[in-house]
Protein backbone atom coordinates (compact mmCIF):
# COMPACT_ATOMS: atom_id res chain seq x y z
CA MET A 1 -0.39 0.43 0.16
CA TRP A 2 3.09 2.39 0.99
CA ASP A 3 4.18 2.67 -2.64
CA LYS A 4 0.54 3.71 -4.05
CA LEU A 5 0.86 6.30 -2.06
CA VAL A 6 4.07 7.69 -2.93
CA HIS A 7 2.91 9.26 -6.20
CA GLY A 8 3.93 12.03 -8.27
CA PHE A 9 7.65 11.35 -10.20
CA PRO A 10 7.89 9.34 -13.33
CA GLY A 11 9.57 5.83 -13.25
CA SER A 12 11.97 6.49 -15.63
CA VAL A 13 13.70 8.91 -13.35
CA PHE A 14 14.25 6.32 -10.68
CA GLU A 15 16.37 4.02 -13.44
CA GLU A 16 19.44 6.30 -13.88
CA GLU A 17 22.35 7.59 -11.98
CA HIS A 18 21.79 11.43 -11.25
CA ARG A 19 24.07 14.17 -11.06
CA GLY A 20 22.69 17.18 -8.71
CA GLU A 21 21.43 16.46 -5.11
CA CYS A 22 18.25 15.35 -6.03
CA VAL A 23 16.17 14.99 -9.13
CA PRO A 24 14.42 17.86 -10.63
CA GLU A 25 11.07 16.71 -10.12
CA TYR A 26 11.90 16.51 -5.87
CA SER A 27 10.62 20.35 -5.93
CA GLU A 28 9.22 22.54 -2.95
CA PRO A 29 5.46 21.25 -2.39
CA ARG A 30 2.71 23.94 -3.44
CA GLY A 31 -0.21 22.68 -2.26
CA VAL A 32 -3.27 21.98 -4.57
CA ASP A 33 -6.93 22.51 -4.87
CA ILE A 34 -9.60 19.72 -4.71
CA ARG A 35 -12.73 19.47 -6.22
CA VAL A 36 -15.19 16.22 -5.96
CA GLU A 37 -18.44 15.94 -8.03
CA ASN A 38 -21.38 13.84 -7.63
CA LEU A 39 -19.23 11.09 -6.26
CA ASN A 40 -20.70 7.39 -5.62
CA LYS A 41 -19.61 4.55 -4.29
CA SER A 42 -20.87 0.99 -3.34
CA PHE A 43 -19.90 -1.79 -1.67
CA GLY A 44 -22.43 -4.59 -2.22
CA ASP A 45 -25.57 -3.54 -1.13
CA LEU A 46 -23.89 -0.52 1.35
CA HIS A 47 -24.18 2.53 -0.83
CA VAL A 48 -21.59 4.58 1.57
CA LEU A 49 -20.83 8.03 -0.68
CA LYS A 50 -23.93 9.60 -2.13
CA ASP A 51 -23.45 12.84 -5.02
CA ILE A 52 -20.49 13.76 -2.82
CA CYS A 53 -19.47 17.23 -3.50
CA LEU A 54 -16.51 19.26 -2.04
CA ASP A 55 -14.37 21.73 -3.07
CA ILE A 56 -11.19 22.07 -0.99
CA LYS A 57 -8.49 25.30 -1.83
CA ALA A 58 -5.02 24.76 -2.28
CA GLY A 59 -2.91 25.44 1.06
CA GLU A 60 -6.63 25.13 3.22
CA THR A 61 -6.17 22.57 6.10
CA PHE A 62 -9.76 20.80 5.85
CA SER A 63 -11.18 18.07 7.90
CA ILE A 64 -13.74 15.70 7.52
CA ILE A 65 -16.01 14.79 10.69
CA GLY A 66 -18.81 12.52 11.06
CA PRO A 67 -20.11 9.55 12.69
CA SER A 68 -18.57 6.28 12.09
CA GLY A 69 -19.32 4.21 9.22
CA THR A 70 -20.49 7.32 7.59
CA GLY A 71 -17.54 7.12 4.66
CA LYS A 72 -15.41 9.41 5.39
CA SER A 73 -12.00 7.01 5.38
CA VAL A 74 -13.94 6.01 2.12
CA LEU A 75 -13.58 9.52 0.85
CA LEU A 76 -10.10 9.85 1.98
CA LYS A 77 -9.43 6.91 -0.11
CA HIS A 78 -10.68 7.82 -3.22
CA ILE A 79 -8.51 11.16 -2.94
CA VAL A 80 -5.89 9.12 -3.13
CA LYS A 81 -6.73 6.56 -5.29
CA LEU A 82 -6.73 3.60 -3.41
CA VAL A 83 -10.38 2.86 -4.33
CA LYS A 84 -12.22 3.68 -7.56
CA PRO A 85 -15.51 5.52 -7.73
CA ASP A 86 -18.94 4.19 -9.01
CA SER A 87 -19.73 7.38 -10.67
CA GLY A 88 -18.48 11.11 -9.99
CA ARG A 89 -14.89 12.70 -10.34
CA ILE A 90 -12.04 14.13 -8.30
CA PHE A 91 -10.43 16.74 -9.51
CA ILE A 92 -6.52 17.93 -8.69
CA ASP A 93 -5.62 21.68 -9.49
CA GLY A 94 -8.23 20.45 -12.32
CA HIS A 95 -7.10 17.23 -13.38
CA ASP A 96 -9.48 14.41 -13.26
CA ILE A 97 -7.34 11.87 -11.15
CA PHE A 98 -8.98 8.75 -12.41
CA ALA A 99 -8.58 9.80 -16.05
CA GLU A 100 -5.71 9.78 -18.76
CA LYS A 101 -2.94 11.89 -17.82
CA PRO A 102 -2.36 14.22 -21.14
CA LYS A 103 1.35 13.51 -22.34
CA ASP A 104 2.12 17.44 -22.23
CA ALA A 105 0.90 17.80 -18.35
CA ALA A 106 2.87 19.49 -15.92
CA ARG A 107 4.11 17.55 -13.23
CA GLU A 108 1.42 15.30 -11.16
CA TYR A 109 1.12 16.44 -7.42
CA ARG A 110 2.68 14.30 -4.75
CA TYR A 111 0.24 13.03 -1.81
CA SER A 112 0.92 10.96 1.32
CA MET A 113 -0.93 9.96 3.72
CA VAL A 114 -0.79 9.05 7.45
CA PHE A 115 -2.38 6.36 8.72
CA GLN A 116 -4.34 5.28 11.93
CA THR A 117 -1.71 2.66 12.92
CA SER A 118 1.28 4.85 11.89
CA ALA A 119 2.54 2.06 9.76
CA LEU A 120 6.15 2.10 10.48
CA PHE A 121 8.56 -0.66 10.30
CA ASN A 122 9.67 -1.85 13.15
CA SER A 123 13.25 -3.39 12.24
CA LEU A 124 14.55 -0.04 11.28
CA THR A 125 15.60 3.14 12.71
CA VAL A 126 13.40 6.63 12.97
CA GLY A 127 15.92 8.02 10.56
CA GLU A 128 15.44 4.78 7.81
CA ASN A 129 11.83 4.97 8.30
CA VAL A 130 11.81 8.74 7.44
CA GLY A 131 14.35 8.32 4.80
CA LEU A 132 12.55 5.22 3.17
CA TRP A 133 11.27 6.06 0.22
CA LEU A 134 13.96 8.70 -0.55
CA ARG A 135 16.72 6.04 -0.60
CA GLU A 136 14.08 3.11 -2.21
CA LYS A 137 13.52 5.56 -5.22
CA ARG A 138 16.78 7.12 -5.57
CA ILE A 139 15.85 10.44 -5.23
CA CYS A 140 18.45 12.14 -3.89
CA ASN A 141 22.18 11.99 -2.97
CA GLU A 142 23.10 9.88 0.59
CA GLY A 143 24.56 13.55 1.78
CA ARG A 144 20.90 15.32 1.55
CA ILE A 145 19.05 12.54 1.78
CA ARG A 146 20.53 12.98 5.76
CA ARG A 147 19.94 16.46 5.35
CA VAL A 148 16.47 15.92 4.94
CA ILE A 149 15.85 13.23 7.38
CA ARG A 150 17.35 15.76 10.09
CA GLU A 151 15.21 18.48 8.58
CA LYS A 152 11.40 16.83 8.85
CA LEU A 153 12.71 15.41 12.05
CA ARG A 154 13.11 18.78 13.80
CA LEU A 155 9.60 20.11 11.84
CA VAL A 156 7.84 17.23 14.21
CA GLY A 157 9.58 17.88 17.24
CA LEU A 158 11.96 15.01 17.26
CA GLU A 159 15.22 16.66 16.27
CA GLY A 160 18.24 14.22 17.01
CA LYS A 161 16.10 10.97 17.29
CA GLU A 162 17.63 9.41 14.15
CA ASP A 163 18.92 6.86 15.58
CA MET A 164 16.10 5.52 17.73
CA MET A 165 14.02 2.00 17.15
CA THR A 166 10.87 2.94 16.51
CA SER A 167 10.08 0.12 18.93
CA GLU A 168 11.18 2.44 21.59
CA LEU A 169 8.73 4.87 20.80
CA SER A 170 5.17 6.24 22.53
CA GLY A 171 2.26 6.67 20.37
CA GLY A 172 2.68 10.11 19.91
CA MET A 173 5.90 9.69 19.01
CA LYS A 174 5.12 6.77 15.92
CA LYS A 175 2.89 9.70 14.78
CA ARG A 176 5.16 11.72 14.44
CA VAL A 177 7.57 9.85 12.78
CA ALA A 178 4.72 8.78 10.68
CA ILE A 179 4.30 12.58 9.40
CA ALA A 180 7.77 13.08 9.14
CA ARG A 181 8.29 10.68 6.86
CA SER A 182 5.51 11.58 4.30
CA LEU A 183 6.74 15.17 4.63
CA ALA A 184 10.17 13.48 3.30
CA MET A 185 8.85 13.07 0.17
CA ASN A 186 7.80 17.24 -0.08
CA PRO A 187 3.91 16.06 -0.30
CA ASP A 188 1.53 19.27 -2.22
CA LEU A 189 -1.16 17.36 -0.19
CA ILE A 190 -1.03 15.28 3.08
CA LEU A 191 -3.62 13.36 4.13
CA TYR A 192 -4.42 12.65 8.22
CA ASP A 193 -6.80 9.24 8.49
CA GLU A 194 -7.55 9.68 12.41
CA PRO A 195 -4.22 10.93 13.63
CA THR A 196 -5.49 10.92 17.34
CA ALA A 197 -6.38 7.51 17.21
CA GLU A 198 -5.26 5.70 20.62
CA LEU A 199 -3.56 9.18 21.67
CA ASP A 200 -4.00 10.64 24.95
CA PRO A 201 -6.01 13.82 25.40
CA VAL A 202 -2.31 15.36 25.94
CA THR A 203 -0.46 13.42 23.33
CA SER A 204 -2.97 14.74 21.00
CA ASP A 205 -3.00 18.80 21.87
CA GLU A 206 1.32 17.71 21.12
CA LEU A 207 0.20 16.22 17.82
CA ALA A 208 -2.19 19.22 17.06
CA ARG A 209 1.04 21.81 17.56
CA VAL A 210 2.89 19.76 15.30
CA VAL A 211 0.10 19.97 12.36
CA MET A 212 -0.43 23.65 13.22
CA ASN A 213 3.16 24.57 13.28
CA LEU A 214 3.28 22.82 9.60
CA LYS A 215 0.63 25.03 8.49
CA GLU A 216 3.08 27.84 9.14
CA ASP A 217 6.10 26.45 8.01
CA ILE A 218 5.29 24.30 4.55
CA SER A 219 2.81 25.04 1.80
CA LEU A 220 0.66 22.49 1.12
CA THR A 221 -3.31 20.89 1.35
CA SER A 222 -3.81 19.06 4.32
CA VAL A 223 -7.10 16.90 4.06
CA ILE A 224 -7.89 15.25 8.23
CA VAL A 225 -10.64 13.03 8.82
CA SER A 226 -11.16 12.59 12.85
CA HIS A 227 -13.29 11.93 15.05
CA ASP A 228 -11.52 14.46 17.33
CA LEU A 229 -13.56 17.84 17.42
CA ASN A 230 -11.26 19.33 19.77
CA PHE A 231 -8.04 18.61 17.51
CA ALA A 232 -10.05 19.11 13.82
CA PHE A 233 -12.05 22.55 15.29
CA HIS A 234 -8.75 24.12 16.28
CA LEU A 235 -6.60 23.32 13.17
CA SER A 236 -8.85 23.41 10.22
CA ASP A 237 -9.59 26.41 7.97
CA ARG A 238 -13.04 24.64 7.14
CA VAL A 239 -14.68 21.32 8.13
CA ALA A 240 -17.57 19.71 6.38
CA MET A 241 -19.60 16.59 7.87
CA ILE A 242 -20.80 13.28 6.70
CA HIS A 243 -24.03 12.40 7.60
CA ASP A 244 -25.57 9.07 6.29
CA GLY A 245 -22.82 9.38 3.27
CA ARG A 246 -23.57 12.48 2.54
CA ILE A 247 -21.91 16.28 3.03
CA ILE A 248 -24.51 18.11 4.82
CA GLU A 249 -22.61 20.95 6.02
CA VAL A 250 -19.52 23.02 5.13
CA GLY A 251 -17.98 25.77 6.83
CA THR A 252 -15.42 27.42 9.50
CA PRO A 253 -15.33 25.84 12.63
CA ALA A 254 -17.33 28.79 14.46
CA GLU A 255 -19.98 28.29 11.57
CA LEU A 256 -20.22 24.61 11.98
CA LYS A 257 -20.99 25.02 15.82
CA ALA A 258 -23.54 27.86 14.83
CA SER A 259 -25.26 24.92 12.42
CA GLU A 260 -28.92 24.68 13.01
CA ASN A 261 -29.12 21.64 11.36
CA PRO A 262 -30.38 18.78 13.96
CA ASN A 263 -27.76 16.19 12.55
CA VAL A 264 -24.30 18.76 13.04
CA LYS A 265 -26.20 20.21 16.36
CA LYS A 266 -26.42 16.62 17.68
CA PHE A 267 -23.07 15.23 16.36
CA ILE A 268 -21.12 18.04 18.05
CA TYR A 269 -22.69 18.74 21.27
CA THR A 270 -22.02 15.19 22.60
CA THR A 271 -21.14 15.22 25.64
CA THR A 272 -18.25 13.15 25.40
CA LYS A 273 -17.23 15.44 22.59
CA GLY A 274 -16.07 17.87 25.51
CA ILE A 275 -17.59 20.34 23.32
CA THR A 276 -20.59 22.97 24.63
CA GLY A 277 -23.15 24.72 23.58
CA SER A 278 -21.91 27.83 25.24
């Protein structure tokens, strides 16, 4: 699955030696806009996504919330092309991602995904996990790869942890290593699937600070699927709520909190979520 989520480089560039520090395609992230049009997906008799329409702006941090089983993660998997829709289209920077790419098209966007489980390799050190893709695809020379690893770990607050084994890390540290590994790709789009799953409130706050700092340091588009409303509302420029496979509300965190939609109000102000109506 990891190979399917490292995207945006033509295969031929990995089949030759490179004179520079990195291949030319390894450019700085630029952020991309996303447009979802009438997306439908069923699994057997279960209609999971129902005419989903959504616009996400380049450089935006956008969260998708909603009850379990409403299709949030399925929508995320469509955006990274792990799942194909039954009908509807998704455009990234105006390009239909499920259509054949024109030969004269500009470079494709790069994306990466941070999984609930972090998906790290326990047999590798922290640095080896972060630099894995760069080394496997021969994106940069070894000196540059080591500098990238140090820089991305610094961005997530793990400076100097390159030589630790992942088995020595706490759950929160593993999530930050997974983010650093994604950042090593210089992605234009990064997707987080339940990033605070299995984390305690203090560790969730630490992770929120990491993601918030990335918004200030790096130009990229971030899409977050989360049950943690405090996390989503704190970080997001805008939020969409899915209910019964449909988008029922899109707006700023303040706008969702003020929504009169009964399904939105019921979900947001459930006492277990820690958000009150005051």
